[in-house]
Amino acid sequence: MPRSTNSVASRARRKKIMKLAKGYFGRRKNVWTVAKNAVEKAGVYAYTGRKQKKRNFRALWIQRINAGVREYGVSYSKFMGELSKKNIQLNRKVLADLAMNHPAAFKAVVDKVVK
């Protein structure tokens, strides 16, 4: 029996990778082996980037909260410690938004926590 290869599936697999490599520079966009490696590496960077994005936003929120509470003479760590002691369930994202966009509401939270 003659050897059978599924060229339809092979072509589809290659087409999928080449489509993902569209817009790359040089041989990365039109040579199969180079494009395959470039797309795989891009996937690794994308995966890592999704994790780093979460870290970066958390750091940004902490900086904003810290800047907000320093106006009232409190440090970030003391503020967050008191927040958890008083059992106030506000996460860093919400607190940072209040500090930036709603200073009156943030002041009310700080007054409730500190006093």
PDB file of N, CA and C in Angstrom:
ATOM      1  N   MET A   1       0.846  -1.183   0.000  1.00  0.00           N
ATOM      2  CA  MET A   1       0.000   0.000   0.000  1.00  0.00           C
ATOM      3  C   MET A   1       0.893   1.249   0.000  1.00  0.00           C
ATOM      4  N   PRO A   2       0.571   2.238  -0.802  1.00  0.00           N
ATOM      5  CA  PRO A   2       1.415   3.436  -0.862  1.00  0.00           C
ATOM      6  C   PRO A   2       1.298   4.271   0.424  1.00  0.00           C
ATOM      7  N   ARG A   3       2.366   5.001   0.675  1.00  0.00           N
ATOM      8  CA  ARG A   3       2.404   5.856   1.862  1.00  0.00           C
ATOM      9  C   ARG A   3       1.421   7.008   1.684  1.00  0.00           C
ATOM     10  N   SER A   4       0.645   7.259   2.733  1.00  0.00           N
ATOM     11  CA  SER A   4      -0.370   8.299   2.646  1.00  0.00           C
ATOM     12  C   SER A   4      -0.038   9.416   3.629  1.00  0.00           C
ATOM     13  N   THR A   5      -0.014  10.637   3.145  1.00  0.00           N
ATOM     14  CA  THR A   5       0.172  11.785   4.036  1.00  0.00           C
ATOM     15  C   THR A   5      -1.054  12.668   3.915  1.00  0.00           C
ATOM     16  N   ASN A   6      -1.414  13.248   4.992  1.00  0.00           N
ATOM     17  CA  ASN A   6      -2.585  14.113   4.998  1.00  0.00           C
ATOM     18  C   ASN A   6      -2.121  15.532   4.694  1.00  0.00           C
ATOM     19  N   SER A   7      -1.955  15.826   3.421  1.00  0.00           N
ATOM     20  CA  SER A   7      -1.408  17.132   3.030  1.00  0.00           C
ATOM     21  C   SER A   7      -2.383  18.276   3.323  1.00  0.00           C
ATOM     22  N   VAL A   8      -3.667  17.968   3.365  1.00  0.00           N
ATOM     23  CA  VAL A   8      -4.646  19.003   3.669  1.00  0.00           C
ATOM     24  C   VAL A   8      -4.442  19.514   5.098  1.00  0.00           C
ATOM     25  N   ALA A   9      -4.288  18.593   6.037  1.00  0.00           N
ATOM     26  CA  ALA A   9      -4.076  18.968   7.429  1.00  0.00           C
ATOM     27  C   ALA A   9      -2.729  19.659   7.618  1.00  0.00           C
ATOM     28  N   SER A  10      -1.704  19.154   6.930  1.00  0.00           N
ATOM     29  CA  SER A  10      -0.367  19.756   7.036  1.00  0.00           C
ATOM     30  C   SER A  10      -0.387  21.194   6.540  1.00  0.00           C
ATOM     31  N   ARG A  11      -1.022  21.400   5.402  1.00  0.00           N
ATOM     32  CA  ARG A  11      -1.108  22.747   4.833  1.00  0.00           C
ATOM     33  C   ARG A  11      -1.888  23.679   5.765  1.00  0.00           C
ATOM     34  N   ALA A  12      -2.977  23.166   6.335  1.00  0.00           N
ATOM     35  CA  ALA A  12      -3.795  23.989   7.237  1.00  0.00           C
ATOM     36  C   ALA A  12      -2.990  24.391   8.474  1.00  0.00           C
ATOM     37  N   ARG A  13      -2.198  23.431   8.987  1.00  0.00           N
ATOM     38  CA  ARG A  13      -1.378  23.700  10.164  1.00  0.00           C
ATOM     39  C   ARG A  13      -0.352  24.793   9.856  1.00  0.00           C
ATOM     40  N   ARG A  14       0.285  24.694   8.706  1.00  0.00           N
ATOM     41  CA  ARG A  14       1.284  25.694   8.305  1.00  0.00           C
ATOM     42  C   ARG A  14       0.639  27.047   8.055  1.00  0.00           C
ATOM     43  N   LYS A  15      -0.529  27.008   7.420  1.00  0.00           N
ATOM     44  CA  LYS A  15      -1.232  28.264   7.122  1.00  0.00           C
ATOM     45  C   LYS A  15      -1.582  29.013   8.404  1.00  0.00           C
ATOM     46  N   LYS A  16      -1.969  28.247   9.423  1.00  0.00           N
ATOM     47  CA  LYS A  16      -2.345  28.851  10.694  1.00  0.00           C
ATOM     48  C   LYS A  16      -1.150  29.594  11.311  1.00  0.00           C
ATOM     49  N   ILE A  17       0.011  28.965  11.272  1.00  0.00           N
ATOM     50  CA  ILE A  17       1.222  29.590  11.822  1.00  0.00           C
ATOM     51  C   ILE A  17       1.622  30.801  10.981  1.00  0.00           C
ATOM     52  N   MET A  18       1.570  30.651   9.657  1.00  0.00           N
ATOM     53  CA  MET A  18       1.976  31.754   8.775  1.00  0.00           C
ATOM     54  C   MET A  18       1.037  32.951   8.935  1.00  0.00           C
ATOM     55  N   LYS A  19      -0.221  32.676   9.216  1.00  0.00           N
ATOM     56  CA  LYS A  19      -1.164  33.764   9.441  1.00  0.00           C
ATOM     57  C   LYS A  19      -0.808  34.520  10.723  1.00  0.00           C
ATOM     58  N   LEU A  20      -0.383  33.775  11.746  1.00  0.00           N
ATOM     59  CA  LEU A  20       0.026  34.412  13.000  1.00  0.00           C
ATOM     60  C   LEU A  20       1.310  35.217  12.837  1.00  0.00           C
ATOM     61  N   ALA A  21       2.153  34.828  11.865  1.00  0.00           N
ATOM     62  CA  ALA A  21       3.432  35.507  11.638  1.00  0.00           C
ATOM     63  C   ALA A  21       3.293  36.713  10.718  1.00  0.00           C
ATOM     64  N   LYS A  22       2.081  36.994  10.290  1.00  0.00           N
ATOM     65  CA  LYS A  22       1.859  38.123   9.387  1.00  0.00           C
ATOM     66  C   LYS A  22       2.262  39.423  10.074  1.00  0.00           C
ATOM     67  N   GLY A  23       3.009  40.254   9.388  1.00  0.00           N
ATOM     68  CA  GLY A  23       3.454  41.518   9.952  1.00  0.00           C
ATOM     69  C   GLY A  23       4.840  41.454  10.557  1.00  0.00           C
ATOM     70  N   TYR A  24       5.412  40.253  10.670  1.00  0.00           N
ATOM     71  CA  TYR A  24       6.775  40.137  11.173  1.00  0.00           C
ATOM     72  C   TYR A  24       7.749  40.630  10.116  1.00  0.00           C
ATOM     73  N   PHE A  25       9.002  40.898  10.509  1.00  0.00           N
ATOM     74  CA  PHE A  25      10.006  41.465   9.609  1.00  0.00           C
ATOM     75  C   PHE A  25      10.894  40.380   9.017  1.00  0.00           C
ATOM     76  N   GLY A  26      11.224  40.532   7.754  1.00  0.00           N
ATOM     77  CA  GLY A  26      12.188  39.646   7.098  1.00  0.00           C
ATOM     78  C   GLY A  26      11.666  38.237   6.920  1.00  0.00           C
ATOM     79  N   ARG A  27      12.579  37.265   7.114  1.00  0.00           N
ATOM     80  CA  ARG A  27      12.212  35.868   6.880  1.00  0.00           C
ATOM     81  C   ARG A  27      11.218  35.353   7.911  1.00  0.00           C
ATOM     82  N   ARG A  28      11.061  36.077   9.006  1.00  0.00           N
ATOM     83  CA  ARG A  28      10.139  35.634  10.052  1.00  0.00           C
ATOM     84  C   ARG A  28       8.702  35.554   9.540  1.00  0.00           C
ATOM     85  N   LYS A  29       8.395  36.291   8.481  1.00  0.00           N
ATOM     86  CA  LYS A  29       7.011  36.297   8.005  1.00  0.00           C
ATOM     87  C   LYS A  29       6.740  35.323   6.868  1.00  0.00           C
ATOM     88  N   ASN A  30       7.788  34.820   6.186  1.00  0.00           N
ATOM     89  CA  ASN A  30       7.487  33.990   5.020  1.00  0.00           C
ATOM     90  C   ASN A  30       8.292  32.701   4.900  1.00  0.00           C
ATOM     91  N   VAL A  31       9.188  32.405   5.815  1.00  0.00           N
ATOM     92  CA  VAL A  31       9.914  31.130   5.811  1.00  0.00           C
ATOM     93  C   VAL A  31       9.368  30.286   6.959  1.00  0.00           C
ATOM     94  N   TRP A  32       8.904  29.104   6.613  1.00  0.00           N
ATOM     95  CA  TRP A  32       8.157  28.277   7.555  1.00  0.00           C
ATOM     96  C   TRP A  32       8.894  28.048   8.866  1.00  0.00           C
ATOM     97  N   THR A  33      10.153  27.564   8.818  1.00  0.00           N
ATOM     98  CA  THR A  33      10.848  27.201  10.054  1.00  0.00           C
ATOM     99  C   THR A  33      11.119  28.430  10.922  1.00  0.00           C
ATOM    100  N   VAL A  34      11.496  29.529  10.295  1.00  0.00           N
ATOM    101  CA  VAL A  34      11.770  30.755  11.044  1.00  0.00           C
ATOM    102  C   VAL A  34      10.472  31.302  11.629  1.00  0.00           C
ATOM    103  N   ALA A  35       9.413  31.289  10.839  1.00  0.00           N
ATOM    104  CA  ALA A  35       8.119  31.799  11.289  1.00  0.00           C
ATOM    105  C   ALA A  35       7.579  30.968  12.446  1.00  0.00           C
ATOM    106  N   LYS A  36       7.747  29.656  12.357  1.00  0.00           N
ATOM    107  CA  LYS A  36       7.256  28.771  13.423  1.00  0.00           C
ATOM    108  C   LYS A  36       7.944  29.103  14.744  1.00  0.00           C
ATOM    109  N   ASN A  37       9.265  29.267  14.696  1.00  0.00           N
ATOM    110  CA  ASN A  37      10.016  29.608  15.911  1.00  0.00           C
ATOM    111  C   ASN A  37       9.613  30.981  16.441  1.00  0.00           C
ATOM    112  N   ALA A  38       9.429  31.933  15.536  1.00  0.00           N
ATOM    113  CA  ALA A  38       9.064  33.294  15.944  1.00  0.00           C
ATOM    114  C   ALA A  38       7.693  33.311  16.607  1.00  0.00           C
ATOM    115  N   VAL A  39       6.741  32.560  16.053  1.00  0.00           N
ATOM    116  CA  VAL A  39       5.383  32.521  16.615  1.00  0.00           C
ATOM    117  C   VAL A  39       5.396  31.827  17.975  1.00  0.00           C
ATOM    118  N   GLU A  40       6.176  30.752  18.119  1.00  0.00           N
ATOM    119  CA  GLU A  40       6.275  30.067  19.406  1.00  0.00           C
ATOM    120  C   GLU A  40       6.845  31.001  20.468  1.00  0.00           C
ATOM    121  N   LYS A  41       7.913  31.727  20.103  1.00  0.00           N
ATOM    122  CA  LYS A  41       8.546  32.651  21.043  1.00  0.00           C
ATOM    123  C   LYS A  41       7.587  33.788  21.403  1.00  0.00           C
ATOM    124  N   ALA A  42       6.829  34.254  20.410  1.00  0.00           N
ATOM    125  CA  ALA A  42       5.843  35.309  20.663  1.00  0.00           C
ATOM    126  C   ALA A  42       4.790  34.829  21.651  1.00  0.00           C
ATOM    127  N   GLY A  43       4.407  33.558  21.545  1.00  0.00           N
ATOM    128  CA  GLY A  43       3.440  32.994  22.478  1.00  0.00           C
ATOM    129  C   GLY A  43       3.971  32.959  23.895  1.00  0.00           C
ATOM    130  N   VAL A  44       5.254  32.658  24.024  1.00  0.00           N
ATOM    131  CA  VAL A  44       5.889  32.648  25.345  1.00  0.00           C
ATOM    132  C   VAL A  44       5.887  34.049  25.929  1.00  0.00           C
ATOM    133  N   TYR A  45       6.249  35.033  25.109  1.00  0.00           N
ATOM    134  CA  TYR A  45       6.253  36.423  25.570  1.00  0.00           C
ATOM    135  C   TYR A  45       4.845  36.874  25.953  1.00  0.00           C
ATOM    136  N   ALA A  46       3.855  36.465  25.180  1.00  0.00           N
ATOM    137  CA  ALA A  46       2.471  36.853  25.465  1.00  0.00           C
ATOM    138  C   ALA A  46       2.008  36.261  26.797  1.00  0.00           C
ATOM    139  N   TYR A  47       2.354  35.011  27.039  1.00  0.00           N
ATOM    140  CA  TYR A  47       1.978  34.342  28.289  1.00  0.00           C
ATOM    141  C   TYR A  47       2.625  35.055  29.477  1.00  0.00           C
ATOM    142  N   THR A  48       3.930  35.320  29.352  1.00  0.00           N
ATOM    143  CA  THR A  48       4.659  36.005  30.422  1.00  0.00           C
ATOM    144  C   THR A  48       4.085  37.399  30.641  1.00  0.00           C
ATOM    145  N   GLY A  49       3.768  38.081  29.544  1.00  0.00           N
ATOM    146  CA  GLY A  49       3.234  39.434  29.628  1.00  0.00           C
ATOM    147  C   GLY A  49       1.910  39.503  30.364  1.00  0.00           C
ATOM    148  N   ARG A  50       1.083  38.483  30.190  1.00  0.00           N
ATOM    149  CA  ARG A  50      -0.200  38.462  30.896  1.00  0.00           C
ATOM    150  C   ARG A  50       0.007  38.366  32.407  1.00  0.00           C
ATOM    151  N   LYS A  51       1.047  37.662  32.832  1.00  0.00           N
ATOM    152  CA  LYS A  51       1.355  37.563  34.259  1.00  0.00           C
ATOM    153  C   LYS A  51       1.945  38.877  34.772  1.00  0.00           C
ATOM    154  N   GLN A  52       2.857  39.480  33.984  1.00  0.00           N
ATOM    155  CA  GLN A  52       3.503  40.728  34.396  1.00  0.00           C
ATOM    156  C   GLN A  52       2.504  41.870  34.495  1.00  0.00           C
ATOM    157  N   LYS A  53       1.503  41.847  33.636  1.00  0.00           N
ATOM    158  CA  LYS A  53       0.485  42.895  33.640  1.00  0.00           C
ATOM    159  C   LYS A  53      -0.213  42.969  34.996  1.00  0.00           C
ATOM    160  N   LYS A  54      -0.515  41.821  35.562  1.00  0.00           N
ATOM    161  CA  LYS A  54      -1.175  41.771  36.868  1.00  0.00           C
ATOM    162  C   LYS A  54      -0.275  42.360  37.952  1.00  0.00           C
ATOM    163  N   ARG A  55       1.030  41.997  37.893  1.00  0.00           N
ATOM    164  CA  ARG A  55       1.994  42.532  38.864  1.00  0.00           C
ATOM    165  C   ARG A  55       2.102  44.037  38.752  1.00  0.00           C
ATOM    166  N   ASN A  56       2.206  44.514  37.514  1.00  0.00           N
ATOM    167  CA  ASN A  56       2.387  45.946  37.285  1.00  0.00           C
ATOM    168  C   ASN A  56       1.193  46.756  37.776  1.00  0.00           C
ATOM    169  N   PHE A  57      -0.008  46.247  37.522  1.00  0.00           N
ATOM    170  CA  PHE A  57      -1.195  46.970  37.976  1.00  0.00           C
ATOM    171  C   PHE A  57      -1.281  46.983  39.498  1.00  0.00           C
ATOM    172  N   ARG A  58      -0.950  45.869  40.131  1.00  0.00           N
ATOM    173  CA  ARG A  58      -0.978  45.842  41.596  1.00  0.00           C
ATOM    174  C   ARG A  58       0.011  46.861  42.162  1.00  0.00           C
ATOM    175  N   ALA A  59       1.208  46.931  41.581  1.00  0.00           N
ATOM    176  CA  ALA A  59       2.213  47.902  42.033  1.00  0.00           C
ATOM    177  C   ALA A  59       1.710  49.333  41.839  1.00  0.00           C
ATOM    178  N   LEU A  60       1.049  49.585  40.717  1.00  0.00           N
ATOM    179  CA  LEU A  60       0.504  50.912  40.449  1.00  0.00           C
ATOM    180  C   LEU A  60      -0.564  51.286  41.473  1.00  0.00           C
ATOM    181  N   TRP A  61      -1.453  50.333  41.772  1.00  0.00           N
ATOM    182  CA  TRP A  61      -2.506  50.598  42.752  1.00  0.00           C
ATOM    183  C   TRP A  61      -1.899  50.908  44.124  1.00  0.00           C
ATOM    184  N   ILE A  62      -0.865  50.161  44.504  1.00  0.00           N
ATOM    185  CA  ILE A  62      -0.222  50.380  45.798  1.00  0.00           C
ATOM    186  C   ILE A  62       0.386  51.777  45.851  1.00  0.00           C
ATOM    187  N   GLN A  63       1.034  52.206  44.768  1.00  0.00           N
ATOM    188  CA  GLN A  63       1.632  53.547  44.724  1.00  0.00           C
ATOM    189  C   GLN A  63       0.563  54.621  44.855  1.00  0.00           C
ATOM    190  N   ARG A  64      -0.554  54.435  44.191  1.00  0.00           N
ATOM    191  CA  ARG A  64      -1.621  55.433  44.241  1.00  0.00           C
ATOM    192  C   ARG A  64      -2.256  55.506  45.625  1.00  0.00           C
ATOM    193  N   ILE A  65      -2.468  54.352  46.235  1.00  0.00           N
ATOM    194  CA  ILE A  65      -3.039  54.335  47.587  1.00  0.00           C
ATOM    195  C   ILE A  65      -2.062  54.993  48.561  1.00  0.00           C
ATOM    196  N   ASN A  66      -0.786  54.651  48.432  1.00  0.00           N
ATOM    197  CA  ASN A  66       0.244  55.213  49.308  1.00  0.00           C
ATOM    198  C   ASN A  66       0.273  56.734  49.197  1.00  0.00           C
ATOM    199  N   ALA A  67       0.246  57.240  47.957  1.00  0.00           N
ATOM    200  CA  ALA A  67       0.244  58.694  47.754  1.00  0.00           C
ATOM    201  C   ALA A  67      -1.010  59.318  48.361  1.00  0.00           C
ATOM    202  N   GLY A  68      -2.137  58.622  48.241  1.00  0.00           N
ATOM    203  CA  GLY A  68      -3.394  59.145  48.778  1.00  0.00           C
ATOM    204  C   GLY A  68      -3.402  59.215  50.297  1.00  0.00           C
ATOM    205  N   VAL A  69      -2.902  58.174  50.953  1.00  0.00           N
ATOM    206  CA  VAL A  69      -2.963  58.159  52.423  1.00  0.00           C
ATOM    207  C   VAL A  69      -1.867  59.014  53.048  1.00  0.00           C
ATOM    208  N   ARG A  70      -0.773  59.242  52.330  1.00  0.00           N
ATOM    209  CA  ARG A  70       0.303  60.094  52.861  1.00  0.00           C
ATOM    210  C   ARG A  70      -0.187  61.531  53.072  1.00  0.00           C
ATOM    211  N   GLU A  71      -1.172  61.956  52.282  1.00  0.00           N
ATOM    212  CA  GLU A  71      -1.743  63.289  52.461  1.00  0.00           C
ATOM    213  C   GLU A  71      -2.379  63.451  53.839  1.00  0.00           C
ATOM    214  N   TYR A  72      -2.795  62.326  54.416  1.00  0.00           N
ATOM    215  CA  TYR A  72      -3.438  62.363  55.733  1.00  0.00           C
ATOM    216  C   TYR A  72      -2.489  61.877  56.825  1.00  0.00           C
ATOM    217  N   GLY A  73      -1.190  61.796  56.524  1.00  0.00           N
ATOM    218  CA  GLY A  73      -0.177  61.448  57.512  1.00  0.00           C
ATOM    219  C   GLY A  73      -0.162  59.995  57.931  1.00  0.00           C
ATOM    220  N   VAL A  74      -0.558  59.108  57.045  1.00  0.00           N
ATOM    221  CA  VAL A  74      -0.578  57.671  57.335  1.00  0.00           C
ATOM    222  C   VAL A  74       0.280  56.963  56.294  1.00  0.00           C
ATOM    223  N   SER A  75       0.964  55.910  56.699  1.00  0.00           N
ATOM    224  CA  SER A  75       1.728  55.130  55.726  1.00  0.00           C
ATOM    225  C   SER A  75       0.822  54.059  55.109  1.00  0.00           C
ATOM    226  N   TYR A  76       1.239  53.548  53.978  1.00  0.00           N
ATOM    227  CA  TYR A  76       0.450  52.536  53.270  1.00  0.00           C
ATOM    228  C   TYR A  76       0.259  51.294  54.131  1.00  0.00           C
ATOM    229  N   SER A  77       1.350  50.818  54.732  1.00  0.00           N
ATOM    230  CA  SER A  77       1.272  49.562  55.480  1.00  0.00           C
ATOM    231  C   SER A  77       0.362  49.702  56.699  1.00  0.00           C
ATOM    232  N   LYS A  78       0.448  50.834  57.388  1.00  0.00           N
ATOM    233  CA  LYS A  78      -0.432  51.067  58.545  1.00  0.00           C
ATOM    234  C   LYS A  78      -1.894  51.128  58.096  1.00  0.00           C
ATOM    235  N   PHE A  79      -2.119  51.817  56.988  1.00  0.00           N
ATOM    236  CA  PHE A  79      -3.473  51.954  56.456  1.00  0.00           C
ATOM    237  C   PHE A  79      -4.066  50.596  56.108  1.00  0.00           C
ATOM    238  N   MET A  80      -3.299  49.780  55.388  1.00  0.00           N
ATOM    239  CA  MET A  80      -3.811  48.470  54.973  1.00  0.00           C
ATOM    240  C   MET A  80      -4.001  47.547  56.181  1.00  0.00           C
ATOM    241  N   GLY A  81      -3.110  47.668  57.156  1.00  0.00           N
ATOM    242  CA  GLY A  81      -3.261  46.864  58.369  1.00  0.00           C
ATOM    243  C   GLY A  81      -4.529  47.217  59.119  1.00  0.00           C
ATOM    244  N   GLU A  82      -4.773  48.512  59.271  1.00  0.00           N
ATOM    245  CA  GLU A  82      -5.986  48.963  59.959  1.00  0.00           C
ATOM    246  C   GLU A  82      -7.241  48.610  59.169  1.00  0.00           C
ATOM    247  N   LEU A  83      -7.121  48.671  57.860  1.00  0.00           N
ATOM    248  CA  LEU A  83      -8.251  48.332  56.982  1.00  0.00           C
ATOM    249  C   LEU A  83      -8.695  46.894  57.221  1.00  0.00           C
ATOM    250  N   SER A  84      -7.710  45.985  57.316  1.00  0.00           N
ATOM    251  CA  SER A  84      -8.069  44.581  57.536  1.00  0.00           C
ATOM    252  C   SER A  84      -8.556  44.351  58.966  1.00  0.00           C
ATOM    253  N   LYS A  85      -8.006  45.090  59.938  1.00  0.00           N
ATOM    254  CA  LYS A  85      -8.472  44.966  61.332  1.00  0.00           C
ATOM    255  C   LYS A  85      -9.917  45.409  61.480  1.00  0.00           C
ATOM    256  N   LYS A  86     -10.271  46.491  60.776  1.00  0.00           N
ATOM    257  CA  LYS A  86     -11.647  47.001  60.840  1.00  0.00           C
ATOM    258  C   LYS A  86     -12.599  46.199  59.951  1.00  0.00           C
ATOM    259  N   ASN A  87     -12.035  45.205  59.256  1.00  0.00           N
ATOM    260  CA  ASN A  87     -12.820  44.302  58.391  1.00  0.00           C
ATOM    261  C   ASN A  87     -13.550  45.050  57.275  1.00  0.00           C
ATOM    262  N   ILE A  88     -12.860  45.997  56.672  1.00  0.00           N
ATOM    263  CA  ILE A  88     -13.417  46.724  55.527  1.00  0.00           C
ATOM    264  C   ILE A  88     -12.941  46.024  54.258  1.00  0.00           C
ATOM    265  N   GLN A  89     -13.865  45.512  53.492  1.00  0.00           N
ATOM    266  CA  GLN A  89     -13.544  44.680  52.331  1.00  0.00           C
ATOM    267  C   GLN A  89     -13.436  45.505  51.051  1.00  0.00           C
ATOM    268  N   LEU A  90     -12.411  46.336  50.943  1.00  0.00           N
ATOM    269  CA  LEU A  90     -12.151  47.084  49.710  1.00  0.00           C
ATOM    270  C   LEU A  90     -10.804  46.644  49.164  1.00  0.00           C
ATOM    271  N   ASN A  91     -10.774  46.246  47.900  1.00  0.00           N
ATOM    272  CA  ASN A  91      -9.503  45.805  47.338  1.00  0.00           C
ATOM    273  C   ASN A  91      -8.675  46.994  46.852  1.00  0.00           C
ATOM    274  N   ARG A  92      -7.441  46.721  46.482  1.00  0.00           N
ATOM    275  CA  ARG A  92      -6.508  47.781  46.103  1.00  0.00           C
ATOM    276  C   ARG A  92      -6.957  48.524  44.851  1.00  0.00           C
ATOM    277  N   LYS A  93      -7.575  47.803  43.928  1.00  0.00           N
ATOM    278  CA  LYS A  93      -8.040  48.435  42.687  1.00  0.00           C
ATOM    279  C   LYS A  93      -9.078  49.514  42.995  1.00  0.00           C
ATOM    280  N   VAL A  94     -10.019  49.196  43.849  1.00  0.00           N
ATOM    281  CA  VAL A  94     -11.084  50.134  44.211  1.00  0.00           C
ATOM    282  C   VAL A  94     -10.515  51.297  45.013  1.00  0.00           C
ATOM    283  N   LEU A  95      -9.633  50.990  45.957  1.00  0.00           N
ATOM    284  CA  LEU A  95      -9.031  52.049  46.773  1.00  0.00           C
ATOM    285  C   LEU A  95      -8.218  53.017  45.920  1.00  0.00           C
ATOM    286  N   ALA A  96      -7.473  52.487  44.953  1.00  0.00           N
ATOM    287  CA  ALA A  96      -6.677  53.344  44.070  1.00  0.00           C
ATOM    288  C   ALA A  96      -7.580  54.231  43.225  1.00  0.00           C
ATOM    289  N   ASP A  97      -8.698  53.678  42.758  1.00  0.00           N
ATOM    290  CA  ASP A  97      -9.643  54.462  41.968  1.00  0.00           C
ATOM    291  C   ASP A  97     -10.257  55.575  42.810  1.00  0.00           C
ATOM    292  N   LEU A  98     -10.590  55.251  44.053  1.00  0.00           N
ATOM    293  CA  LEU A  98     -11.134  56.276  44.950  1.00  0.00           C
ATOM    294  C   LEU A  98     -10.103  57.376  45.209  1.00  0.00           C
ATOM    295  N   ALA A  99      -8.872  56.981  45.444  1.00  0.00           N
ATOM    296  CA  ALA A  99      -7.817  57.953  45.728  1.00  0.00           C
ATOM    297  C   ALA A  99      -7.592  58.893  44.549  1.00  0.00           C
ATOM    298  N   MET A 100      -7.679  58.358  43.338  1.00  0.00           N
ATOM    299  CA  MET A 100      -7.421  59.168  42.140  1.00  0.00           C
ATOM    300  C   MET A 100      -8.629  60.025  41.744  1.00  0.00           C
ATOM    301  N   ASN A 101      -9.794  59.409  41.685  1.00  0.00           N
ATOM    302  CA  ASN A 101     -10.946  60.054  41.060  1.00  0.00           C
ATOM    303  C   ASN A 101     -12.002  60.588  42.036  1.00  0.00           C
ATOM    304  N   HIS A 102     -12.015  60.078  43.259  1.00  0.00           N
ATOM    305  CA  HIS A 102     -13.029  60.492  44.228  1.00  0.00           C
ATOM    306  C   HIS A 102     -12.365  60.788  45.579  1.00  0.00           C
ATOM    307  N   PRO A 103     -11.645  61.906  45.675  1.00  0.00           N
ATOM    308  CA  PRO A 103     -10.896  62.189  46.905  1.00  0.00           C
ATOM    309  C   PRO A 103     -11.770  62.313  48.153  1.00  0.00           C
ATOM    310  N   ALA A 104     -12.990  62.814  48.010  1.00  0.00           N
ATOM    311  CA  ALA A 104     -13.866  62.955  49.173  1.00  0.00           C
ATOM    312  C   ALA A 104     -14.239  61.581  49.738  1.00  0.00           C
ATOM    313  N   ALA A 105     -14.567  60.660  48.854  1.00  0.00           N
ATOM    314  CA  ALA A 105     -14.913  59.304  49.291  1.00  0.00           C
ATOM    315  C   ALA A 105     -13.696  58.608  49.904  1.00  0.00           C
ATOM    316  N   PHE A 106     -12.527  58.836  49.313  1.00  0.00           N
ATOM    317  CA  PHE A 106     -11.300  58.233  49.847  1.00  0.00           C
ATOM    318  C   PHE A 106     -11.001  58.794  51.234  1.00  0.00           C
ATOM    319  N   LYS A 107     -11.213  60.091  51.417  1.00  0.00           N
ATOM    320  CA  LYS A 107     -10.989  60.722  52.728  1.00  0.00           C
ATOM    321  C   LYS A 107     -11.918  60.113  53.770  1.00  0.00           C
ATOM    322  N   ALA A 108     -13.160  59.832  53.382  1.00  0.00           N
ATOM    323  CA  ALA A 108     -14.098  59.205  54.301  1.00  0.00           C
ATOM    324  C   ALA A 108     -13.613  57.815  54.731  1.00  0.00           C
ATOM    325  N   VAL A 109     -13.061  57.065  53.771  1.00  0.00           N
ATOM    326  CA  VAL A 109     -12.531  55.736  54.095  1.00  0.00           C
ATOM    327  C   VAL A 109     -11.344  55.862  55.039  1.00  0.00           C
ATOM    328  N   VAL A 110     -10.436  56.805  54.736  1.00  0.00           N
ATOM    329  CA  VAL A 110      -9.254  56.989  55.589  1.00  0.00           C
ATOM    330  C   VAL A 110      -9.672  57.396  57.002  1.00  0.00           C
ATOM    331  N   ASP A 111     -10.632  58.320  57.111  1.00  0.00           N
ATOM    332  CA  ASP A 111     -11.107  58.758  58.427  1.00  0.00           C
ATOM    333  C   ASP A 111     -11.715  57.594  59.219  1.00  0.00           C
ATOM    334  N   LYS A 112     -12.450  56.749  58.527  1.00  0.00           N
ATOM    335  CA  LYS A 112     -13.081  55.583  59.179  1.00  0.00           C
ATOM    336  C   LYS A 112     -12.032  54.596  59.663  1.00  0.00           C
ATOM    337  N   VAL A 113     -10.969  54.439  58.871  1.00  0.00           N
ATOM    338  CA  VAL A 113      -9.935  53.453  59.218  1.00  0.00           C
ATOM    339  C   VAL A 113      -9.017  53.976  60.314  1.00  0.00           C
ATOM    340  N   VAL A 114      -8.570  55.219  60.196  1.00  0.00           N
ATOM    341  CA  VAL A 114      -7.561  55.751  61.102  1.00  0.00           C
ATOM    342  C   VAL A 114      -8.141  56.050  62.473  1.00  0.00           C
ATOM    343  N   LYS A 115      -9.375  56.562  62.525  1.00  0.00           N
ATOM    344  CA  LYS A 115      -9.942  56.949  63.819  1.00  0.00           C
ATOM    345  C   LYS A 115     -10.707  55.834  64.477  1.00  0.00           C
TER     346      LYS A 115
END
